Amino acid sequence: MQPYVAVLALLGVLAAVVAAVYALSFAYAPPGAPGTGPFLSGARPQEHALSRYHVRWYVVTMVFLAFDMEMVFMYPWAVVVASVGVKAVVEMFAFLALLIVGVVYAWREGAFRWA
């Protein structure tokens, strides 16, 4: 029962801190401040939050995610490359070759043209 008491006490302290932060924000909020407006450094947004984006931004997002996944795989690889040896180097270069093929394809299709 002892571990549960500690967890419940921690949850109680957490709930009290959250309630105190909300109480302070309501107490010190300027009068007439919009409660549900988006936060944009105090400025009003220029367009609606559900406005449409140009289709080219989706392609840019996919290219970004490809490079993001590259980093997700390269960090653990950098840790084990010395212990695994040549096999790890060959596998990483094969992975990078696949990414380069994807970038060349995206470039050829015009995904990096901004105008």
N, C-alpha and C. Protein backbone atom coordinates (compact mmCIF):
# COMPACT_ATOMS: atom_id res chain seq x y z
N MET A 1 0.81 -1.19 0.00
CA MET A 1 0.00 0.00 0.00
C MET A 1 0.86 1.26 0.00
N GLN A 2 2.08 1.18 0.52
CA GLN A 2 2.96 2.33 0.62
C GLN A 2 3.27 2.98 -0.74
N PRO A 3 3.62 2.20 -1.79
CA PRO A 3 3.93 2.87 -3.08
C PRO A 3 2.73 3.62 -3.64
N TYR A 4 1.52 3.10 -3.39
CA TYR A 4 0.33 3.76 -3.90
C TYR A 4 0.09 5.10 -3.21
N VAL A 5 0.43 5.17 -1.95
CA VAL A 5 0.26 6.42 -1.20
C VAL A 5 1.18 7.50 -1.80
N ALA A 6 2.40 7.13 -2.12
CA ALA A 6 3.33 8.09 -2.71
C ALA A 6 2.84 8.56 -4.08
N VAL A 7 2.34 7.64 -4.89
CA VAL A 7 1.84 8.00 -6.22
C VAL A 7 0.62 8.90 -6.09
N LEU A 8 -0.30 8.57 -5.18
CA LEU A 8 -1.48 9.39 -4.99
C LEU A 8 -1.12 10.77 -4.45
N ALA A 9 -0.13 10.85 -3.58
CA ALA A 9 0.31 12.14 -3.07
C ALA A 9 0.91 12.98 -4.18
N LEU A 10 1.70 12.36 -5.03
CA LEU A 10 2.29 13.08 -6.16
C LEU A 10 1.22 13.56 -7.13
N LEU A 11 0.21 12.74 -7.40
CA LEU A 11 -0.88 13.16 -8.27
C LEU A 11 -1.68 14.30 -7.64
N GLY A 12 -1.86 14.27 -6.31
CA GLY A 12 -2.54 15.35 -5.62
C GLY A 12 -1.77 16.67 -5.72
N VAL A 13 -0.45 16.61 -5.53
CA VAL A 13 0.38 17.80 -5.67
C VAL A 13 0.32 18.32 -7.10
N LEU A 14 0.38 17.43 -8.07
CA LEU A 14 0.29 17.82 -9.47
C LEU A 14 -1.04 18.50 -9.77
N ALA A 15 -2.14 17.95 -9.28
CA ALA A 15 -3.45 18.56 -9.50
C ALA A 15 -3.53 19.93 -8.84
N ALA A 16 -2.94 20.08 -7.66
CA ALA A 16 -2.95 21.37 -6.98
C ALA A 16 -2.15 22.41 -7.75
N VAL A 17 -1.01 22.02 -8.31
CA VAL A 17 -0.20 22.95 -9.09
C VAL A 17 -0.94 23.37 -10.36
N VAL A 18 -1.56 22.43 -11.03
CA VAL A 18 -2.31 22.76 -12.25
C VAL A 18 -3.46 23.70 -11.92
N ALA A 19 -4.18 23.43 -10.84
CA ALA A 19 -5.28 24.29 -10.44
C ALA A 19 -4.78 25.68 -10.07
N ALA A 20 -3.62 25.77 -9.43
CA ALA A 20 -3.06 27.08 -9.07
C ALA A 20 -2.66 27.87 -10.31
N VAL A 21 -2.09 27.20 -11.29
CA VAL A 21 -1.70 27.89 -12.53
C VAL A 21 -2.94 28.41 -13.25
N TYR A 22 -3.98 27.61 -13.34
CA TYR A 22 -5.22 28.07 -13.97
C TYR A 22 -5.83 29.24 -13.20
N ALA A 23 -5.81 29.15 -11.87
CA ALA A 23 -6.37 30.24 -11.06
C ALA A 23 -5.59 31.53 -11.27
N LEU A 24 -4.27 31.45 -11.32
CA LEU A 24 -3.46 32.63 -11.56
C LEU A 24 -3.70 33.21 -12.95
N SER A 25 -3.85 32.35 -13.94
CA SER A 25 -4.08 32.87 -15.29
C SER A 25 -5.44 33.56 -15.39
N PHE A 26 -6.45 33.04 -14.71
CA PHE A 26 -7.75 33.71 -14.72
C PHE A 26 -7.72 35.00 -13.91
N ALA A 27 -6.95 35.01 -12.83
CA ALA A 27 -6.89 36.20 -11.97
C ALA A 27 -6.15 37.35 -12.64
N TYR A 28 -5.08 37.05 -13.39
CA TYR A 28 -4.25 38.09 -13.97
C TYR A 28 -4.51 38.33 -15.46
N ALA A 29 -5.49 37.67 -16.04
CA ALA A 29 -5.81 37.89 -17.46
C ALA A 29 -6.40 39.28 -17.63
N PRO A 30 -6.02 39.99 -18.68
CA PRO A 30 -6.61 41.31 -18.90
C PRO A 30 -8.09 41.19 -19.20
N PRO A 31 -8.88 42.18 -18.79
CA PRO A 31 -10.33 42.09 -19.03
C PRO A 31 -10.63 42.16 -20.52
N GLY A 32 -11.58 41.36 -20.93
CA GLY A 32 -11.99 41.36 -22.33
C GLY A 32 -11.06 40.59 -23.24
N ALA A 33 -10.12 39.84 -22.67
CA ALA A 33 -9.21 39.06 -23.50
C ALA A 33 -9.97 37.89 -24.12
N PRO A 34 -9.74 37.63 -25.40
CA PRO A 34 -10.45 36.50 -26.03
C PRO A 34 -9.99 35.18 -25.41
N GLY A 35 -10.95 34.37 -25.06
CA GLY A 35 -10.62 33.11 -24.41
C GLY A 35 -10.28 31.99 -25.36
N THR A 36 -10.81 32.05 -26.58
CA THR A 36 -10.60 30.94 -27.50
C THR A 36 -9.82 31.34 -28.74
N GLY A 37 -9.31 32.55 -28.79
CA GLY A 37 -8.56 32.98 -29.97
C GLY A 37 -7.19 32.33 -30.04
N PRO A 38 -6.65 32.23 -31.23
CA PRO A 38 -5.32 31.62 -31.37
C PRO A 38 -4.24 32.55 -30.84
N PHE A 39 -3.16 31.96 -30.37
CA PHE A 39 -2.05 32.76 -29.85
C PHE A 39 -1.09 33.05 -30.99
N LEU A 40 -0.97 34.31 -31.35
CA LEU A 40 -0.08 34.70 -32.44
C LEU A 40 0.64 35.98 -32.01
N SER A 41 1.30 35.92 -30.88
CA SER A 41 2.04 37.06 -30.32
C SER A 41 1.14 38.28 -30.16
N GLY A 42 -0.12 38.06 -29.87
CA GLY A 42 -1.04 39.16 -29.64
C GLY A 42 -1.69 39.70 -30.89
N ALA A 43 -1.24 39.29 -32.07
CA ALA A 43 -1.81 39.80 -33.33
C ALA A 43 -2.96 38.90 -33.77
N ARG A 44 -3.87 39.47 -34.52
CA ARG A 44 -4.96 38.69 -35.09
C ARG A 44 -4.44 37.90 -36.29
N PRO A 45 -4.87 36.66 -36.45
CA PRO A 45 -4.42 35.87 -37.61
C PRO A 45 -4.96 36.45 -38.91
N GLN A 46 -4.22 36.29 -39.98
CA GLN A 46 -4.62 36.82 -41.28
C GLN A 46 -5.62 35.93 -42.00
N GLU A 47 -5.64 34.63 -41.68
CA GLU A 47 -6.55 33.71 -42.35
C GLU A 47 -7.12 32.74 -41.33
N HIS A 48 -8.11 32.00 -41.74
CA HIS A 48 -8.78 31.05 -40.87
C HIS A 48 -7.84 29.87 -40.60
N ALA A 49 -7.98 29.26 -39.44
CA ALA A 49 -7.10 28.15 -39.06
C ALA A 49 -7.31 26.92 -39.95
N LEU A 50 -8.48 26.79 -40.53
CA LEU A 50 -8.75 25.63 -41.39
C LEU A 50 -8.63 25.97 -42.88
N SER A 51 -7.85 27.00 -43.20
CA SER A 51 -7.70 27.36 -44.60
C SER A 51 -6.88 26.30 -45.33
N ARG A 52 -6.99 26.30 -46.64
CA ARG A 52 -6.32 25.29 -47.44
C ARG A 52 -4.90 25.73 -47.78
N TYR A 53 -4.04 24.73 -47.90
CA TYR A 53 -2.66 24.97 -48.28
C TYR A 53 -2.46 24.52 -49.72
N HIS A 54 -1.47 25.09 -50.36
CA HIS A 54 -1.14 24.65 -51.72
C HIS A 54 -0.60 23.23 -51.65
N VAL A 55 -0.85 22.46 -52.68
CA VAL A 55 -0.48 21.04 -52.68
C VAL A 55 1.02 20.85 -52.60
N ARG A 56 1.81 21.84 -53.02
CA ARG A 56 3.27 21.67 -52.99
C ARG A 56 3.79 21.54 -51.56
N TRP A 57 3.07 22.06 -50.58
CA TRP A 57 3.53 21.97 -49.20
C TRP A 57 3.45 20.54 -48.68
N TYR A 58 2.53 19.75 -49.21
CA TYR A 58 2.47 18.36 -48.81
C TYR A 58 3.69 17.60 -49.30
N VAL A 59 4.14 17.90 -50.51
CA VAL A 59 5.34 17.25 -51.05
C VAL A 59 6.56 17.66 -50.23
N VAL A 60 6.66 18.92 -49.89
CA VAL A 60 7.77 19.40 -49.07
C VAL A 60 7.74 18.70 -47.71
N THR A 61 6.56 18.51 -47.17
CA THR A 61 6.44 17.81 -45.89
C THR A 61 6.91 16.38 -45.99
N MET A 62 6.59 15.70 -47.07
CA MET A 62 7.03 14.31 -47.24
C MET A 62 8.55 14.24 -47.38
N VAL A 63 9.15 15.18 -48.09
CA VAL A 63 10.62 15.21 -48.22
C VAL A 63 11.24 15.48 -46.86
N PHE A 64 10.67 16.40 -46.09
CA PHE A 64 11.18 16.67 -44.75
C PHE A 64 11.10 15.43 -43.88
N LEU A 65 9.97 14.72 -43.94
CA LEU A 65 9.84 13.51 -43.13
C LEU A 65 10.84 12.44 -43.54
N ALA A 66 11.17 12.37 -44.83
CA ALA A 66 12.18 11.41 -45.28
C ALA A 66 13.52 11.73 -44.63
N PHE A 67 13.90 13.00 -44.62
CA PHE A 67 15.17 13.36 -44.00
C PHE A 67 15.10 13.24 -42.48
N ASP A 68 13.95 13.46 -41.91
CA ASP A 68 13.79 13.29 -40.47
C ASP A 68 13.96 11.83 -40.09
N MET A 69 13.40 10.94 -40.86
CA MET A 69 13.57 9.52 -40.60
C MET A 69 15.03 9.09 -40.81
N GLU A 70 15.71 9.77 -41.71
CA GLU A 70 17.13 9.48 -41.90
C GLU A 70 17.88 9.74 -40.60
N MET A 71 17.59 10.83 -39.95
CA MET A 71 18.28 11.15 -38.70
C MET A 71 17.88 10.18 -37.59
N VAL A 72 16.63 9.74 -37.58
CA VAL A 72 16.19 8.78 -36.57
C VAL A 72 16.98 7.49 -36.69
N PHE A 73 17.32 7.08 -37.91
CA PHE A 73 18.08 5.85 -38.10
C PHE A 73 19.58 6.07 -37.97
N MET A 74 20.07 7.28 -38.24
CA MET A 74 21.52 7.50 -38.20
C MET A 74 22.06 7.64 -36.78
N TYR A 75 21.29 8.17 -35.85
CA TYR A 75 21.81 8.31 -34.49
C TYR A 75 22.12 6.97 -33.83
N PRO A 76 21.20 6.01 -33.85
CA PRO A 76 21.57 4.71 -33.27
C PRO A 76 22.67 4.01 -34.06
N TRP A 77 22.68 4.21 -35.37
CA TRP A 77 23.72 3.62 -36.20
C TRP A 77 25.09 4.14 -35.80
N ALA A 78 25.19 5.43 -35.51
CA ALA A 78 26.47 6.01 -35.11
C ALA A 78 26.98 5.42 -33.80
N VAL A 79 26.07 4.96 -32.96
CA VAL A 79 26.48 4.37 -31.69
C VAL A 79 27.06 2.98 -31.89
N VAL A 80 26.49 2.20 -32.81
CA VAL A 80 26.90 0.80 -32.95
C VAL A 80 27.81 0.53 -34.14
N VAL A 81 28.14 1.53 -34.94
CA VAL A 81 28.90 1.27 -36.15
C VAL A 81 30.29 0.71 -35.85
N ALA A 82 30.91 1.16 -34.79
CA ALA A 82 32.26 0.67 -34.47
C ALA A 82 32.23 -0.79 -34.05
N SER A 83 31.19 -1.20 -33.35
CA SER A 83 31.14 -2.58 -32.89
C SER A 83 30.65 -3.54 -33.97
N VAL A 84 29.81 -3.07 -34.88
CA VAL A 84 29.28 -3.96 -35.93
C VAL A 84 30.27 -4.08 -37.08
N GLY A 85 30.86 -2.98 -37.49
CA GLY A 85 31.89 -3.04 -38.51
C GLY A 85 31.40 -2.67 -39.89
N VAL A 86 31.98 -3.34 -40.89
CA VAL A 86 31.75 -3.01 -42.29
C VAL A 86 30.29 -3.24 -42.69
N LYS A 87 29.66 -4.23 -42.12
CA LYS A 87 28.27 -4.53 -42.46
C LYS A 87 27.36 -3.33 -42.17
N ALA A 88 27.59 -2.66 -41.04
CA ALA A 88 26.78 -1.49 -40.69
C ALA A 88 27.02 -0.34 -41.67
N VAL A 89 28.25 -0.17 -42.11
CA VAL A 89 28.57 0.90 -43.07
C VAL A 89 27.89 0.62 -44.41
N VAL A 90 27.93 -0.62 -44.88
CA VAL A 90 27.30 -0.97 -46.15
C VAL A 90 25.79 -0.77 -46.07
N GLU A 91 25.18 -1.18 -44.97
CA GLU A 91 23.74 -1.01 -44.83
C GLU A 91 23.34 0.46 -44.78
N MET A 92 24.14 1.29 -44.12
CA MET A 92 23.81 2.72 -44.07
C MET A 92 23.96 3.36 -45.43
N PHE A 93 24.99 2.97 -46.19
CA PHE A 93 25.12 3.54 -47.53
C PHE A 93 24.00 3.07 -48.46
N ALA A 94 23.50 1.86 -48.26
CA ALA A 94 22.34 1.41 -49.04
C ALA A 94 21.10 2.22 -48.68
N PHE A 95 20.93 2.49 -47.39
CA PHE A 95 19.80 3.32 -46.94
C PHE A 95 19.90 4.73 -47.50
N LEU A 96 21.10 5.31 -47.46
CA LEU A 96 21.30 6.66 -48.00
C LEU A 96 21.09 6.68 -49.51
N ALA A 97 21.47 5.60 -50.20
CA ALA A 97 21.25 5.53 -51.65
C ALA A 97 19.76 5.55 -51.97
N LEU A 98 18.95 4.85 -51.15
CA LEU A 98 17.51 4.89 -51.36
C LEU A 98 16.96 6.29 -51.14
N LEU A 99 17.46 6.98 -50.13
CA LEU A 99 17.02 8.35 -49.90
C LEU A 99 17.43 9.28 -51.04
N ILE A 100 18.62 9.09 -51.56
CA ILE A 100 19.08 9.93 -52.67
C ILE A 100 18.23 9.67 -53.90
N VAL A 101 17.84 8.43 -54.13
CA VAL A 101 16.95 8.13 -55.26
C VAL A 101 15.63 8.86 -55.08
N GLY A 102 15.10 8.88 -53.86
CA GLY A 102 13.86 9.61 -53.60
C GLY A 102 14.01 11.11 -53.80
N VAL A 103 15.14 11.67 -53.39
CA VAL A 103 15.36 13.11 -53.58
C VAL A 103 15.51 13.44 -55.06
N VAL A 104 16.22 12.61 -55.80
CA VAL A 104 16.37 12.85 -57.25
C VAL A 104 15.01 12.77 -57.93
N TYR A 105 14.19 11.82 -57.53
CA TYR A 105 12.85 11.72 -58.11
C TYR A 105 12.01 12.96 -57.79
N ALA A 106 12.05 13.39 -56.53
CA ALA A 106 11.29 14.59 -56.14
C ALA A 106 11.81 15.82 -56.88
N TRP A 107 13.10 15.91 -57.05
CA TRP A 107 13.69 17.04 -57.78
C TRP A 107 13.24 17.01 -59.24
N ARG A 108 13.27 15.82 -59.84
CA ARG A 108 12.87 15.69 -61.24
C ARG A 108 11.39 16.02 -61.42
N GLU A 109 10.56 15.69 -60.44
CA GLU A 109 9.14 15.99 -60.53
C GLU A 109 8.81 17.43 -60.21
N GLY A 110 9.80 18.21 -59.76
CA GLY A 110 9.59 19.63 -59.50
C GLY A 110 9.13 19.93 -58.09
N ALA A 111 9.41 19.06 -57.14
CA ALA A 111 8.96 19.30 -55.76
C ALA A 111 9.72 20.44 -55.11
N PHE A 112 10.88 20.78 -55.61
CA PHE A 112 11.69 21.82 -55.00
C PHE A 112 11.58 23.16 -55.74
N ARG A 113 10.69 23.25 -56.71
CA ARG A 113 10.46 24.54 -57.38
C ARG A 113 9.49 25.36 -56.55
N TRP A 114 9.81 26.61 -56.28
CA TRP A 114 8.99 27.44 -55.40
C TRP A 114 8.13 28.43 -56.14
N ALA A 115 8.32 28.54 -57.43
CA ALA A 115 7.53 29.54 -58.17
C ALA A 115 6.50 28.88 -59.05
